[in-house]
Amino acid sequence: MSAPLLHVCGPIAIHSFGLAIAAGAFLFMTLMRRDPKARALHIDEHLPNILFVGILAGIVGGRALYFLTEQEASFSLYDFLAYWDGGFSILGTIIGIFAIVPWYVRHLGIPIIPFLDIATIYAPLLQSVSRIGCFLAGCCYGAPTNYPWGVVYTDQQAAAPLGIPIHPTQIYSSLLLLAIFAFMYFYARHRFKTTGALTLTYLMLVSAERFIVDF
């Protein structure tokens, strides 16, 4: 498993991690634009900018908390900016997004909580697809295991330890996030009518997902 998928020229390459984030962002934006409640908020023209700000805030927050908590991570400005090499804290990503995006949305004159109630329906899908990038890059890896589905990394560019079977925690997380998206999309958005209920439900479910996978 190799993080770079295609070398373009010199150090420029298409990496699996960045491609996964781009694919998740594309799905997120496509579904948001089709949502009737999102159209009612008149956010279509602002959505690309909101998504860009959200991704940037998530990358900065995720990288910052990763380097603060990962003792073996070597830190330099290049290391911090090279997000395609993997190495993220999902908690840091969520903190970064929830710290910056509401402020930006308010700046645009869009109601914050109604917007978050829509965005948090589709956010788990974006996260689920992005987690595949984590799996390919080898970051966020699990503990050693003797289970038959343990994954062995052999690529020197992978962030995971090489040559030993480890839990594919990125796949566990991806599947759980996909299940959260299914719950939010097919059930919660039709049943939860109170403003803010969907946002709180999302936060509780992704917190439970992190607890299950991490501990």
N, C-alpha and C. Protein backbone atom coordinates (compact mmCIF):
# COMPACT_ATOMS: atom_id res chain seq x y z
N MET A 1 0.85 -1.19 0.00
CA MET A 1 0.00 0.00 0.00
C MET A 1 0.88 1.24 0.00
N SER A 2 0.73 2.07 -0.97
CA SER A 2 1.57 3.25 -1.10
C SER A 2 0.72 4.50 -1.08
N ALA A 3 1.16 5.51 -0.32
CA ALA A 3 0.40 6.75 -0.24
C ALA A 3 0.35 7.48 -1.59
N PRO A 4 1.50 7.64 -2.32
CA PRO A 4 1.42 8.32 -3.62
C PRO A 4 0.79 7.39 -4.66
N LEU A 5 -0.20 7.90 -5.37
CA LEU A 5 -0.83 7.11 -6.42
C LEU A 5 -0.20 7.39 -7.78
N LEU A 6 0.21 8.64 -7.99
CA LEU A 6 0.76 9.01 -9.30
C LEU A 6 1.74 10.15 -9.13
N HIS A 7 2.96 9.94 -9.58
CA HIS A 7 3.95 11.00 -9.58
C HIS A 7 3.78 11.85 -10.82
N VAL A 8 3.65 13.16 -10.62
CA VAL A 8 3.45 14.08 -11.73
C VAL A 8 4.79 14.61 -12.23
N CYS A 9 5.52 15.26 -11.34
CA CYS A 9 6.82 15.82 -11.72
C CYS A 9 7.60 16.15 -10.45
N GLY A 10 8.80 15.60 -10.33
CA GLY A 10 9.61 15.89 -9.15
C GLY A 10 8.89 15.51 -7.87
N PRO A 11 8.77 16.48 -6.95
CA PRO A 11 8.08 16.18 -5.68
C PRO A 11 6.56 16.23 -5.79
N ILE A 12 6.05 16.65 -6.94
CA ILE A 12 4.60 16.80 -7.12
C ILE A 12 3.99 15.43 -7.45
N ALA A 13 3.00 15.06 -6.70
CA ALA A 13 2.36 13.75 -6.89
C ALA A 13 0.92 13.81 -6.43
N ILE A 14 0.13 12.88 -6.93
CA ILE A 14 -1.24 12.71 -6.45
C ILE A 14 -1.20 11.63 -5.37
N HIS A 15 -1.58 12.01 -4.17
CA HIS A 15 -1.51 11.10 -3.03
C HIS A 15 -2.88 10.56 -2.68
N SER A 16 -2.90 9.33 -2.21
CA SER A 16 -4.16 8.67 -1.87
C SER A 16 -4.90 9.42 -0.77
N PHE A 17 -4.16 9.98 0.19
CA PHE A 17 -4.80 10.67 1.31
C PHE A 17 -5.55 11.91 0.82
N GLY A 18 -4.85 12.74 0.03
CA GLY A 18 -5.49 13.94 -0.50
C GLY A 18 -6.63 13.62 -1.45
N LEU A 19 -6.46 12.55 -2.25
CA LEU A 19 -7.52 12.17 -3.18
C LEU A 19 -8.77 11.72 -2.44
N ALA A 20 -8.58 11.01 -1.33
CA ALA A 20 -9.72 10.56 -0.54
C ALA A 20 -10.47 11.75 0.06
N ILE A 21 -9.73 12.74 0.56
CA ILE A 21 -10.38 13.94 1.10
C ILE A 21 -11.15 14.66 0.00
N ALA A 22 -10.53 14.76 -1.20
CA ALA A 22 -11.19 15.43 -2.32
C ALA A 22 -12.47 14.69 -2.72
N ALA A 23 -12.43 13.36 -2.73
CA ALA A 23 -13.62 12.58 -3.09
C ALA A 23 -14.72 12.77 -2.05
N GLY A 24 -14.35 12.76 -0.76
CA GLY A 24 -15.33 12.99 0.29
C GLY A 24 -15.93 14.39 0.21
N ALA A 25 -15.09 15.38 -0.08
CA ALA A 25 -15.57 16.76 -0.20
C ALA A 25 -16.52 16.91 -1.38
N PHE A 26 -16.22 16.22 -2.48
CA PHE A 26 -17.10 16.28 -3.65
C PHE A 26 -18.47 15.70 -3.33
N LEU A 27 -18.50 14.55 -2.65
CA LEU A 27 -19.79 13.95 -2.27
C LEU A 27 -20.55 14.87 -1.32
N PHE A 28 -19.84 15.44 -0.36
CA PHE A 28 -20.45 16.34 0.61
C PHE A 28 -21.11 17.52 -0.09
N MET A 29 -20.37 18.17 -0.98
CA MET A 29 -20.90 19.36 -1.65
C MET A 29 -22.05 19.00 -2.58
N THR A 30 -21.95 17.86 -3.26
CA THR A 30 -23.02 17.44 -4.18
C THR A 30 -24.32 17.20 -3.42
N LEU A 31 -24.24 16.49 -2.29
CA LEU A 31 -25.44 16.19 -1.52
C LEU A 31 -26.00 17.43 -0.83
N MET A 32 -25.11 18.31 -0.37
CA MET A 32 -25.58 19.55 0.25
C MET A 32 -26.36 20.39 -0.76
N ARG A 33 -25.87 20.47 -1.98
CA ARG A 33 -26.54 21.28 -3.00
C ARG A 33 -27.91 20.72 -3.37
N ARG A 34 -28.09 19.43 -3.20
CA ARG A 34 -29.36 18.81 -3.54
C ARG A 34 -30.35 18.83 -2.38
N ASP A 35 -29.89 19.20 -1.20
CA ASP A 35 -30.76 19.18 -0.02
C ASP A 35 -31.72 20.36 -0.08
N PRO A 36 -33.04 20.12 0.01
CA PRO A 36 -34.02 21.21 -0.06
C PRO A 36 -33.83 22.26 1.03
N LYS A 37 -33.48 21.83 2.24
CA LYS A 37 -33.30 22.78 3.33
C LYS A 37 -32.06 23.64 3.12
N ALA A 38 -31.04 23.06 2.50
CA ALA A 38 -29.85 23.85 2.19
C ALA A 38 -30.17 24.90 1.13
N ARG A 39 -30.97 24.52 0.14
CA ARG A 39 -31.37 25.49 -0.89
C ARG A 39 -32.21 26.61 -0.29
N ALA A 40 -33.01 26.28 0.73
CA ALA A 40 -33.84 27.28 1.37
C ALA A 40 -33.00 28.32 2.12
N LEU A 41 -31.80 27.94 2.52
CA LEU A 41 -30.90 28.88 3.20
C LEU A 41 -30.09 29.72 2.22
N HIS A 42 -30.24 29.42 0.92
CA HIS A 42 -29.55 30.17 -0.14
C HIS A 42 -28.03 30.14 0.06
N ILE A 43 -27.52 28.95 0.26
CA ILE A 43 -26.07 28.82 0.51
C ILE A 43 -25.32 28.31 -0.71
N ASP A 44 -26.02 28.05 -1.81
CA ASP A 44 -25.39 27.39 -2.95
C ASP A 44 -24.16 28.14 -3.44
N GLU A 45 -24.27 29.46 -3.59
CA GLU A 45 -23.14 30.23 -4.11
C GLU A 45 -21.99 30.31 -3.12
N HIS A 46 -22.29 30.14 -1.84
CA HIS A 46 -21.25 30.22 -0.81
C HIS A 46 -20.65 28.86 -0.47
N LEU A 47 -21.29 27.78 -0.92
CA LEU A 47 -20.90 26.44 -0.47
C LEU A 47 -19.44 26.09 -0.80
N PRO A 48 -18.93 26.37 -2.00
CA PRO A 48 -17.51 26.05 -2.25
C PRO A 48 -16.56 26.74 -1.27
N ASN A 49 -16.83 28.02 -0.97
CA ASN A 49 -15.98 28.74 -0.03
C ASN A 49 -16.10 28.19 1.38
N ILE A 50 -17.34 27.85 1.78
CA ILE A 50 -17.54 27.26 3.11
C ILE A 50 -16.80 25.94 3.22
N LEU A 51 -16.90 25.14 2.16
CA LEU A 51 -16.22 23.84 2.15
C LEU A 51 -14.71 24.02 2.21
N PHE A 52 -14.20 24.98 1.47
CA PHE A 52 -12.75 25.25 1.49
C PHE A 52 -12.29 25.66 2.89
N VAL A 53 -13.04 26.58 3.51
CA VAL A 53 -12.68 27.03 4.86
C VAL A 53 -12.77 25.86 5.84
N GLY A 54 -13.80 25.01 5.69
CA GLY A 54 -13.96 23.87 6.58
C GLY A 54 -12.82 22.87 6.45
N ILE A 55 -12.44 22.57 5.21
CA ILE A 55 -11.34 21.63 4.99
C ILE A 55 -10.03 22.20 5.53
N LEU A 56 -9.79 23.49 5.28
CA LEU A 56 -8.56 24.12 5.78
C LEU A 56 -8.53 24.11 7.30
N ALA A 57 -9.67 24.45 7.93
CA ALA A 57 -9.73 24.45 9.40
C ALA A 57 -9.55 23.04 9.95
N GLY A 58 -10.14 22.05 9.26
CA GLY A 58 -10.00 20.67 9.69
C GLY A 58 -8.58 20.17 9.58
N ILE A 59 -7.90 20.54 8.49
CA ILE A 59 -6.51 20.12 8.30
C ILE A 59 -5.61 20.74 9.36
N VAL A 60 -5.76 22.04 9.59
CA VAL A 60 -4.92 22.72 10.59
C VAL A 60 -5.20 22.16 11.98
N GLY A 61 -6.48 22.01 12.33
CA GLY A 61 -6.83 21.48 13.65
C GLY A 61 -6.38 20.05 13.83
N GLY A 62 -6.60 19.23 12.80
CA GLY A 62 -6.21 17.82 12.87
C GLY A 62 -4.71 17.63 12.96
N ARG A 63 -3.96 18.41 12.16
CA ARG A 63 -2.50 18.31 12.20
C ARG A 63 -1.95 18.84 13.52
N ALA A 64 -2.52 19.94 14.00
CA ALA A 64 -2.02 20.54 15.24
C ALA A 64 -2.15 19.59 16.41
N LEU A 65 -3.34 18.99 16.58
CA LEU A 65 -3.53 18.09 17.72
C LEU A 65 -2.73 16.81 17.55
N TYR A 66 -2.56 16.37 16.31
CA TYR A 66 -1.75 15.17 16.04
C TYR A 66 -0.31 15.39 16.51
N PHE A 67 0.29 16.52 16.11
CA PHE A 67 1.67 16.78 16.48
C PHE A 67 1.82 17.07 17.97
N LEU A 68 0.75 17.56 18.60
CA LEU A 68 0.82 17.83 20.04
C LEU A 68 0.73 16.55 20.87
N THR A 69 0.06 15.53 20.33
CA THR A 69 -0.21 14.31 21.11
C THR A 69 0.62 13.11 20.66
N GLU A 70 1.16 13.14 19.44
CA GLU A 70 1.93 12.01 18.93
C GLU A 70 3.40 12.22 19.25
N GLN A 71 3.90 11.48 20.21
CA GLN A 71 5.27 11.70 20.70
C GLN A 71 6.32 11.36 19.64
N GLU A 72 6.02 10.40 18.76
CA GLU A 72 7.01 9.97 17.78
C GLU A 72 7.00 10.82 16.51
N ALA A 73 6.08 11.77 16.42
CA ALA A 73 5.99 12.59 15.21
C ALA A 73 7.08 13.66 15.21
N SER A 74 7.89 13.68 14.14
CA SER A 74 8.90 14.72 14.00
C SER A 74 8.24 15.96 13.43
N PHE A 75 8.52 17.10 14.06
CA PHE A 75 7.82 18.32 13.67
C PHE A 75 8.74 19.29 12.97
N SER A 76 8.29 19.77 11.83
CA SER A 76 8.89 20.90 11.13
C SER A 76 7.76 21.56 10.36
N LEU A 77 8.01 22.73 9.82
CA LEU A 77 6.97 23.41 9.06
C LEU A 77 6.54 22.56 7.87
N TYR A 78 7.52 21.92 7.20
CA TYR A 78 7.17 21.06 6.06
C TYR A 78 6.33 19.88 6.52
N ASP A 79 6.72 19.25 7.63
CA ASP A 79 5.96 18.11 8.15
C ASP A 79 4.52 18.52 8.44
N PHE A 80 4.36 19.71 9.01
CA PHE A 80 3.02 20.17 9.36
C PHE A 80 2.18 20.41 8.11
N LEU A 81 2.78 20.98 7.07
CA LEU A 81 2.04 21.30 5.85
C LEU A 81 1.82 20.09 4.96
N ALA A 82 2.65 19.07 5.09
CA ALA A 82 2.58 17.90 4.20
C ALA A 82 1.48 16.95 4.67
N TYR A 83 0.24 17.42 4.58
CA TYR A 83 -0.89 16.62 5.06
C TYR A 83 -1.06 15.34 4.26
N TRP A 84 -0.56 15.32 3.00
CA TRP A 84 -0.70 14.12 2.17
C TRP A 84 0.09 12.94 2.72
N ASP A 85 1.01 13.20 3.65
CA ASP A 85 1.75 12.11 4.27
C ASP A 85 0.96 11.43 5.37
N GLY A 86 -0.24 11.93 5.65
CA GLY A 86 -1.05 11.36 6.71
C GLY A 86 -0.66 11.92 8.07
N GLY A 87 -1.38 11.51 9.08
CA GLY A 87 -1.12 11.99 10.42
C GLY A 87 -2.11 13.07 10.83
N PHE A 88 -3.27 12.62 11.32
CA PHE A 88 -4.33 13.54 11.71
C PHE A 88 -4.96 13.08 13.01
N SER A 89 -5.43 14.04 13.76
CA SER A 89 -6.29 13.76 14.90
C SER A 89 -7.71 14.12 14.49
N ILE A 90 -8.60 13.13 14.46
CA ILE A 90 -9.99 13.40 14.08
C ILE A 90 -10.63 14.38 15.06
N LEU A 91 -10.28 14.25 16.35
CA LEU A 91 -10.80 15.18 17.34
C LEU A 91 -10.33 16.60 17.03
N GLY A 92 -9.06 16.75 16.67
CA GLY A 92 -8.55 18.05 16.29
C GLY A 92 -9.23 18.62 15.07
N THR A 93 -9.54 17.73 14.11
CA THR A 93 -10.24 18.15 12.90
C THR A 93 -11.62 18.71 13.25
N ILE A 94 -12.36 17.98 14.09
CA ILE A 94 -13.70 18.41 14.48
C ILE A 94 -13.65 19.72 15.25
N ILE A 95 -12.67 19.84 16.17
CA ILE A 95 -12.52 21.08 16.93
C ILE A 95 -12.22 22.25 15.99
N GLY A 96 -11.31 22.03 15.04
CA GLY A 96 -10.96 23.08 14.10
C GLY A 96 -12.15 23.54 13.28
N ILE A 97 -12.92 22.58 12.79
CA ILE A 97 -14.09 22.91 11.97
C ILE A 97 -15.14 23.66 12.77
N PHE A 98 -15.45 23.15 13.96
CA PHE A 98 -16.49 23.78 14.77
C PHE A 98 -16.03 25.12 15.37
N ALA A 99 -14.73 25.37 15.38
CA ALA A 99 -14.24 26.67 15.85
C ALA A 99 -14.29 27.73 14.77
N ILE A 100 -14.09 27.33 13.52
CA ILE A 100 -13.95 28.31 12.44
C ILE A 100 -15.19 28.43 11.56
N VAL A 101 -15.78 27.29 11.17
CA VAL A 101 -16.88 27.33 10.20
C VAL A 101 -18.08 28.12 10.70
N PRO A 102 -18.55 27.95 11.96
CA PRO A 102 -19.68 28.77 12.41
C PRO A 102 -19.41 30.27 12.32
N TRP A 103 -18.18 30.66 12.66
CA TRP A 103 -17.82 32.09 12.56
C TRP A 103 -17.91 32.55 11.10
N TYR A 104 -17.41 31.73 10.18
CA TYR A 104 -17.42 32.12 8.77
C TYR A 104 -18.85 32.14 8.23
N VAL A 105 -19.64 31.15 8.61
CA VAL A 105 -21.04 31.10 8.16
C VAL A 105 -21.81 32.32 8.66
N ARG A 106 -21.57 32.68 9.91
CA ARG A 106 -22.23 33.88 10.46
C ARG A 106 -21.79 35.13 9.71
N HIS A 107 -20.51 35.18 9.34
CA HIS A 107 -19.99 36.31 8.58
C HIS A 107 -20.72 36.45 7.23
N LEU A 108 -21.14 35.33 6.65
CA LEU A 108 -21.87 35.34 5.38
C LEU A 108 -23.35 35.66 5.56
N GLY A 109 -23.80 35.76 6.81
CA GLY A 109 -25.20 36.06 7.07
C GLY A 109 -26.10 34.85 7.02
N ILE A 110 -25.53 33.64 7.15
CA ILE A 110 -26.31 32.40 7.13
C ILE A 110 -26.54 31.95 8.57
N PRO A 111 -27.77 31.55 8.93
CA PRO A 111 -28.04 31.07 10.29
C PRO A 111 -27.15 29.88 10.64
N ILE A 112 -26.45 29.98 11.76
CA ILE A 112 -25.42 28.99 12.08
C ILE A 112 -26.00 27.61 12.37
N ILE A 113 -26.92 27.52 13.33
CA ILE A 113 -27.42 26.21 13.76
C ILE A 113 -28.19 25.50 12.63
N PRO A 114 -29.11 26.18 11.93
CA PRO A 114 -29.75 25.50 10.80
C PRO A 114 -28.75 24.99 9.76
N PHE A 115 -27.69 25.76 9.51
CA PHE A 115 -26.67 25.30 8.57
C PHE A 115 -25.97 24.05 9.11
N LEU A 116 -25.57 24.08 10.38
CA LEU A 116 -24.89 22.92 10.97
C LEU A 116 -25.79 21.70 10.99
N ASP A 117 -27.09 21.90 11.21
CA ASP A 117 -28.03 20.78 11.20
C ASP A 117 -28.04 20.06 9.84
N ILE A 118 -27.82 20.82 8.77
CA ILE A 118 -27.77 20.21 7.44
C ILE A 118 -26.39 19.61 7.19
N ALA A 119 -25.34 20.36 7.51
CA ALA A 119 -23.98 19.90 7.23
C ALA A 119 -23.64 18.63 7.98
N THR A 120 -24.13 18.49 9.22
CA THR A 120 -23.78 17.31 10.02
C THR A 120 -24.50 16.05 9.56
N ILE A 121 -25.46 16.18 8.66
CA ILE A 121 -26.05 14.98 8.05
C ILE A 121 -25.04 14.33 7.13
N TYR A 122 -24.30 15.16 6.38
CA TYR A 122 -23.42 14.65 5.33
C TYR A 122 -21.95 14.59 5.77
N ALA A 123 -21.62 15.23 6.88
CA ALA A 123 -20.24 15.21 7.37
C ALA A 123 -19.71 13.79 7.62
N PRO A 124 -20.51 12.87 8.18
CA PRO A 124 -19.97 11.52 8.40
C PRO A 124 -19.58 10.82 7.10
N LEU A 125 -20.26 11.12 6.00
CA LEU A 125 -19.89 10.52 4.72
C LEU A 125 -18.54 11.05 4.26
N LEU A 126 -18.33 12.36 4.41
CA LEU A 126 -17.03 12.94 4.06
C LEU A 126 -15.93 12.29 4.90
N GLN A 127 -16.18 12.13 6.20
CA GLN A 127 -15.19 11.51 7.08
C GLN A 127 -14.95 10.05 6.71
N SER A 128 -16.02 9.33 6.37
CA SER A 128 -15.91 7.92 6.03
C SER A 128 -15.00 7.72 4.82
N VAL A 129 -15.21 8.52 3.78
CA VAL A 129 -14.39 8.41 2.57
C VAL A 129 -12.95 8.84 2.87
N SER A 130 -12.78 9.90 3.66
CA SER A 130 -11.44 10.37 4.00
C SER A 130 -10.66 9.31 4.77
N ARG A 131 -11.35 8.51 5.56
CA ARG A 131 -10.69 7.47 6.34
C ARG A 131 -10.02 6.42 5.45
N ILE A 132 -10.54 6.23 4.23
CA ILE A 132 -9.89 5.31 3.30
C ILE A 132 -8.50 5.83 2.97
N GLY A 133 -8.37 7.16 2.87
CA GLY A 133 -7.06 7.75 2.65
C GLY A 133 -6.12 7.47 3.81
N CYS A 134 -6.65 7.52 5.04
CA CYS A 134 -5.84 7.17 6.22
C CYS A 134 -5.34 5.73 6.12
N PHE A 135 -6.21 4.84 5.67
CA PHE A 135 -5.85 3.43 5.54
C PHE A 135 -4.73 3.26 4.52
N LEU A 136 -4.83 3.94 3.38
CA LEU A 136 -3.83 3.80 2.33
C LEU A 136 -2.50 4.44 2.74
N ALA A 137 -2.58 5.53 3.51
CA ALA A 137 -1.35 6.20 3.95
C ALA A 137 -0.72 5.50 5.15
N GLY A 138 -1.51 4.71 5.88
CA GLY A 138 -0.98 3.99 7.03
C GLY A 138 -1.01 4.77 8.33
N CYS A 139 -1.62 5.96 8.33
CA CYS A 139 -1.72 6.71 9.58
C CYS A 139 -2.94 6.22 10.37
N CYS A 140 -3.00 6.64 11.63
CA CYS A 140 -4.13 6.25 12.50
C CYS A 140 -4.26 4.73 12.60
N TYR A 141 -3.14 4.05 12.58
CA TYR A 141 -3.14 2.58 12.57
C TYR A 141 -3.49 2.01 13.94
N GLY A 142 -3.85 0.73 13.93
CA GLY A 142 -4.28 0.08 15.15
C GLY A 142 -3.18 -0.72 15.83
N ALA A 143 -3.56 -1.41 16.89
CA ALA A 143 -2.62 -2.21 17.67
C ALA A 143 -2.30 -3.51 16.93
N PRO A 144 -1.18 -4.15 17.26
CA PRO A 144 -0.87 -5.45 16.66
C PRO A 144 -1.96 -6.47 16.96
N THR A 145 -2.20 -7.38 16.03
CA THR A 145 -3.27 -8.37 16.19
C THR A 145 -2.90 -9.67 15.49
N ASN A 146 -3.50 -10.76 15.96
CA ASN A 146 -3.36 -12.05 15.30
C ASN A 146 -4.62 -12.43 14.53
N TYR A 147 -5.60 -11.51 14.49
CA TYR A 147 -6.83 -11.79 13.76
C TYR A 147 -6.53 -11.90 12.26
N PRO A 148 -7.31 -12.73 11.56
CA PRO A 148 -7.01 -12.96 10.13
C PRO A 148 -7.15 -11.72 9.26
N TRP A 149 -7.90 -10.70 9.74
CA TRP A 149 -8.05 -9.50 8.93
C TRP A 149 -7.00 -8.42 9.28
N GLY A 150 -6.01 -8.82 10.06
CA GLY A 150 -4.93 -7.87 10.34
C GLY A 150 -4.23 -7.47 9.05
N VAL A 151 -3.80 -6.21 9.00
CA VAL A 151 -3.16 -5.66 7.80
C VAL A 151 -1.67 -5.51 8.04
N VAL A 152 -0.87 -5.91 7.03
CA VAL A 152 0.58 -5.78 7.10
C VAL A 152 1.03 -4.73 6.10
N TYR A 153 1.67 -3.68 6.57
CA TYR A 153 2.21 -2.64 5.70
C TYR A 153 3.66 -2.97 5.34
N THR A 154 4.00 -2.80 4.08
CA THR A 154 5.36 -3.08 3.62
C THR A 154 6.01 -1.88 2.94
N ASP A 155 5.22 -0.87 2.58
CA ASP A 155 5.74 0.30 1.88
C ASP A 155 6.48 1.20 2.86
N GLN A 156 7.70 1.58 2.50
CA GLN A 156 8.51 2.41 3.39
C GLN A 156 7.89 3.78 3.63
N GLN A 157 7.00 4.24 2.73
CA GLN A 157 6.39 5.55 2.89
C GLN A 157 5.16 5.52 3.79
N ALA A 158 4.71 4.34 4.17
CA ALA A 158 3.55 4.24 5.05
C ALA A 158 3.91 4.73 6.44
N ALA A 159 2.93 5.35 7.10
CA ALA A 159 3.16 5.86 8.46
C ALA A 159 3.10 4.76 9.51
N ALA A 160 2.53 3.60 9.15
CA ALA A 160 2.34 2.50 10.09
C ALA A 160 3.63 1.70 10.24
N PRO A 161 3.77 0.96 11.35
CA PRO A 161 4.92 0.05 11.48
C PRO A 161 4.86 -1.03 10.41
N LEU A 162 6.01 -1.43 9.92
CA LEU A 162 6.08 -2.35 8.79
C LEU A 162 6.27 -3.79 9.25
N GLY A 163 5.68 -4.70 8.48
CA GLY A 163 5.97 -6.12 8.64
C GLY A 163 5.23 -6.84 9.74
N ILE A 164 4.32 -6.17 10.45
CA ILE A 164 3.55 -6.85 11.50
C ILE A 164 2.06 -6.62 11.25
N PRO A 165 1.22 -7.64 11.52
CA PRO A 165 -0.23 -7.45 11.34
C PRO A 165 -0.80 -6.52 12.40
N ILE A 166 -1.56 -5.54 11.96
CA ILE A 166 -2.17 -4.58 12.88
C ILE A 166 -3.65 -4.43 12.54
N HIS A 167 -4.41 -3.98 13.53
CA HIS A 167 -5.84 -3.75 13.31
C HIS A 167 -6.04 -2.64 12.27
N PRO A 168 -6.89 -2.87 11.27
CA PRO A 168 -7.22 -1.80 10.30
C PRO A 168 -8.25 -0.85 10.90
N THR A 169 -7.81 -0.08 11.91
CA THR A 169 -8.75 0.78 12.62
C THR A 169 -9.35 1.85 11.72
N GLN A 170 -8.63 2.21 10.66
CA GLN A 170 -9.17 3.19 9.72
C GLN A 170 -10.43 2.65 9.03
N ILE A 171 -10.41 1.36 8.72
CA ILE A 171 -11.57 0.72 8.08
C ILE A 171 -12.71 0.59 9.09
N TYR A 172 -12.39 0.22 10.34
CA TYR A 172 -13.42 0.18 11.37
C TYR A 172 -14.11 1.54 11.46
N SER A 173 -13.29 2.59 11.52
CA SER A 173 -13.82 3.94 11.64
C SER A 173 -14.65 4.32 10.42
N SER A 174 -14.15 3.97 9.23
CA SER A 174 -14.87 4.30 7.99
C SER A 174 -16.25 3.64 7.97
N LEU A 175 -16.32 2.38 8.38
CA LEU A 175 -17.60 1.67 8.37
C LEU A 175 -18.57 2.25 9.41
N LEU A 176 -18.05 2.58 10.58
CA LEU A 176 -18.91 3.18 11.61
C LEU A 176 -19.42 4.55 11.17
N LEU A 177 -18.56 5.34 10.55
CA LEU A 177 -18.99 6.65 10.06
C LEU A 177 -20.01 6.52 8.94
N LEU A 178 -19.85 5.50 8.11
CA LEU A 178 -20.84 5.25 7.06
C LEU A 178 -22.19 4.89 7.68
N ALA A 179 -22.16 4.11 8.77
CA ALA A 179 -23.40 3.76 9.47
C ALA A 179 -24.02 5.01 10.11
N ILE A 180 -23.19 5.89 10.65
CA ILE A 180 -23.70 7.15 11.21
C ILE A 180 -24.36 7.99 10.13
N PHE A 181 -23.72 8.07 8.96
CA PHE A 181 -24.32 8.81 7.85
C PHE A 181 -25.67 8.22 7.46
N ALA A 182 -25.75 6.90 7.38
CA ALA A 182 -27.02 6.25 7.01
C ALA A 182 -28.10 6.59 8.03
N PHE A 183 -27.73 6.57 9.33
CA PHE A 183 -28.70 6.91 10.37
C PHE A 183 -29.15 8.36 10.25
N MET A 184 -28.20 9.26 10.04
CA MET A 184 -28.52 10.68 9.94
C MET A 184 -29.37 10.98 8.70
N TYR A 185 -29.04 10.33 7.61
CA TYR A 185 -29.69 10.63 6.33
C TYR A 185 -31.08 10.00 6.22
N PHE A 186 -31.19 8.74 6.60
CA PHE A 186 -32.44 8.02 6.39
C PHE A 186 -33.41 8.11 7.56
N TYR A 187 -32.92 8.44 8.75
CA TYR A 187 -33.81 8.46 9.91
C TYR A 187 -33.82 9.82 10.62
N ALA A 188 -32.66 10.25 11.09
CA ALA A 188 -32.63 11.42 11.98
C ALA A 188 -33.16 12.68 11.31
N ARG A 189 -32.80 12.93 10.08
CA ARG A 189 -33.21 14.19 9.45
C ARG A 189 -34.72 14.27 9.23
N HIS A 190 -35.39 13.10 9.22
CA HIS A 190 -36.85 13.09 9.04
C HIS A 190 -37.59 13.14 10.38
N ARG A 191 -36.92 12.71 11.46
CA ARG A 191 -37.59 12.59 12.74
C ARG A 191 -37.24 13.71 13.71
N PHE A 192 -36.04 14.26 13.62
CA PHE A 192 -35.61 15.26 14.58
C PHE A 192 -35.91 16.65 14.03
N LYS A 193 -36.87 17.32 14.64
CA LYS A 193 -37.33 18.61 14.12
C LYS A 193 -36.80 19.80 14.93
N THR A 194 -36.36 19.57 16.15
CA THR A 194 -35.87 20.67 16.98
C THR A 194 -34.56 21.22 16.43
N THR A 195 -34.45 22.53 16.33
CA THR A 195 -33.23 23.16 15.84
C THR A 195 -32.05 22.78 16.73
N GLY A 196 -30.99 22.31 16.11
CA GLY A 196 -29.80 21.91 16.85
C GLY A 196 -29.75 20.44 17.19
N ALA A 197 -30.87 19.72 17.05
CA ALA A 197 -30.92 18.31 17.44
C ALA A 197 -30.00 17.45 16.56
N LEU A 198 -29.97 17.75 15.27
CA LEU A 198 -29.12 16.97 14.37
C LEU A 198 -27.64 17.21 14.66
N THR A 199 -27.29 18.45 14.95
CA THR A 199 -25.89 18.76 15.27
C THR A 199 -25.45 18.03 16.53
N LEU A 200 -26.28 18.06 17.58
CA LEU A 200 -25.94 17.37 18.82
C LEU A 200 -25.89 15.86 18.63
N THR A 201 -26.81 15.34 17.81
CA THR A 201 -26.81 13.89 17.54
C THR A 201 -25.51 13.49 16.84
N TYR A 202 -25.10 14.29 15.85
CA TYR A 202 -23.84 14.03 15.15
C TYR A 202 -22.67 14.02 16.13
N LEU A 203 -22.58 15.02 16.99
CA LEU A 203 -21.47 15.11 17.93
C LEU A 203 -21.45 13.92 18.88
N MET A 204 -22.60 13.48 19.34
CA MET A 204 -22.66 12.32 20.23
C MET A 204 -22.25 11.05 19.51
N LEU A 205 -22.70 10.89 18.27
CA LEU A 205 -22.40 9.66 17.53
C LEU A 205 -20.93 9.58 17.13
N VAL A 206 -20.34 10.68 16.66
CA VAL A 206 -18.93 10.63 16.28
C VAL A 206 -18.04 10.48 17.52
N SER A 207 -18.50 11.02 18.66
CA SER A 207 -17.75 10.81 19.91
C SER A 207 -17.78 9.34 20.30
N ALA A 208 -18.94 8.71 20.15
CA ALA A 208 -19.06 7.27 20.44
C ALA A 208 -18.19 6.46 19.49
N GLU A 209 -18.15 6.87 18.22
CA GLU A 209 -17.31 6.17 17.24
C GLU A 209 -15.85 6.23 17.63
N ARG A 210 -15.38 7.40 18.03
CA ARG A 210 -13.99 7.52 18.43
C ARG A 210 -13.70 6.69 19.68
N PHE A 211 -14.64 6.69 20.62
CA PHE A 211 -14.45 5.90 21.85
C PHE A 211 -14.32 4.42 21.52
N ILE A 212 -15.22 3.93 20.67
CA ILE A 212 -15.22 2.50 20.31
C ILE A 212 -13.92 2.11 19.62
N VAL A 213 -13.51 2.89 18.63
CA VAL A 213 -12.33 2.53 17.84
C VAL A 213 -11.05 2.72 18.65
N ASP A 214 -10.95 3.80 19.42
CA ASP A 214 -9.72 4.10 20.13
C ASP A 214 -9.50 3.20 21.35
N PHE A 215 -10.56 2.92 22.06
CA PHE A 215 -10.39 2.19 23.32
C PHE A 215 -10.77 0.73 23.25
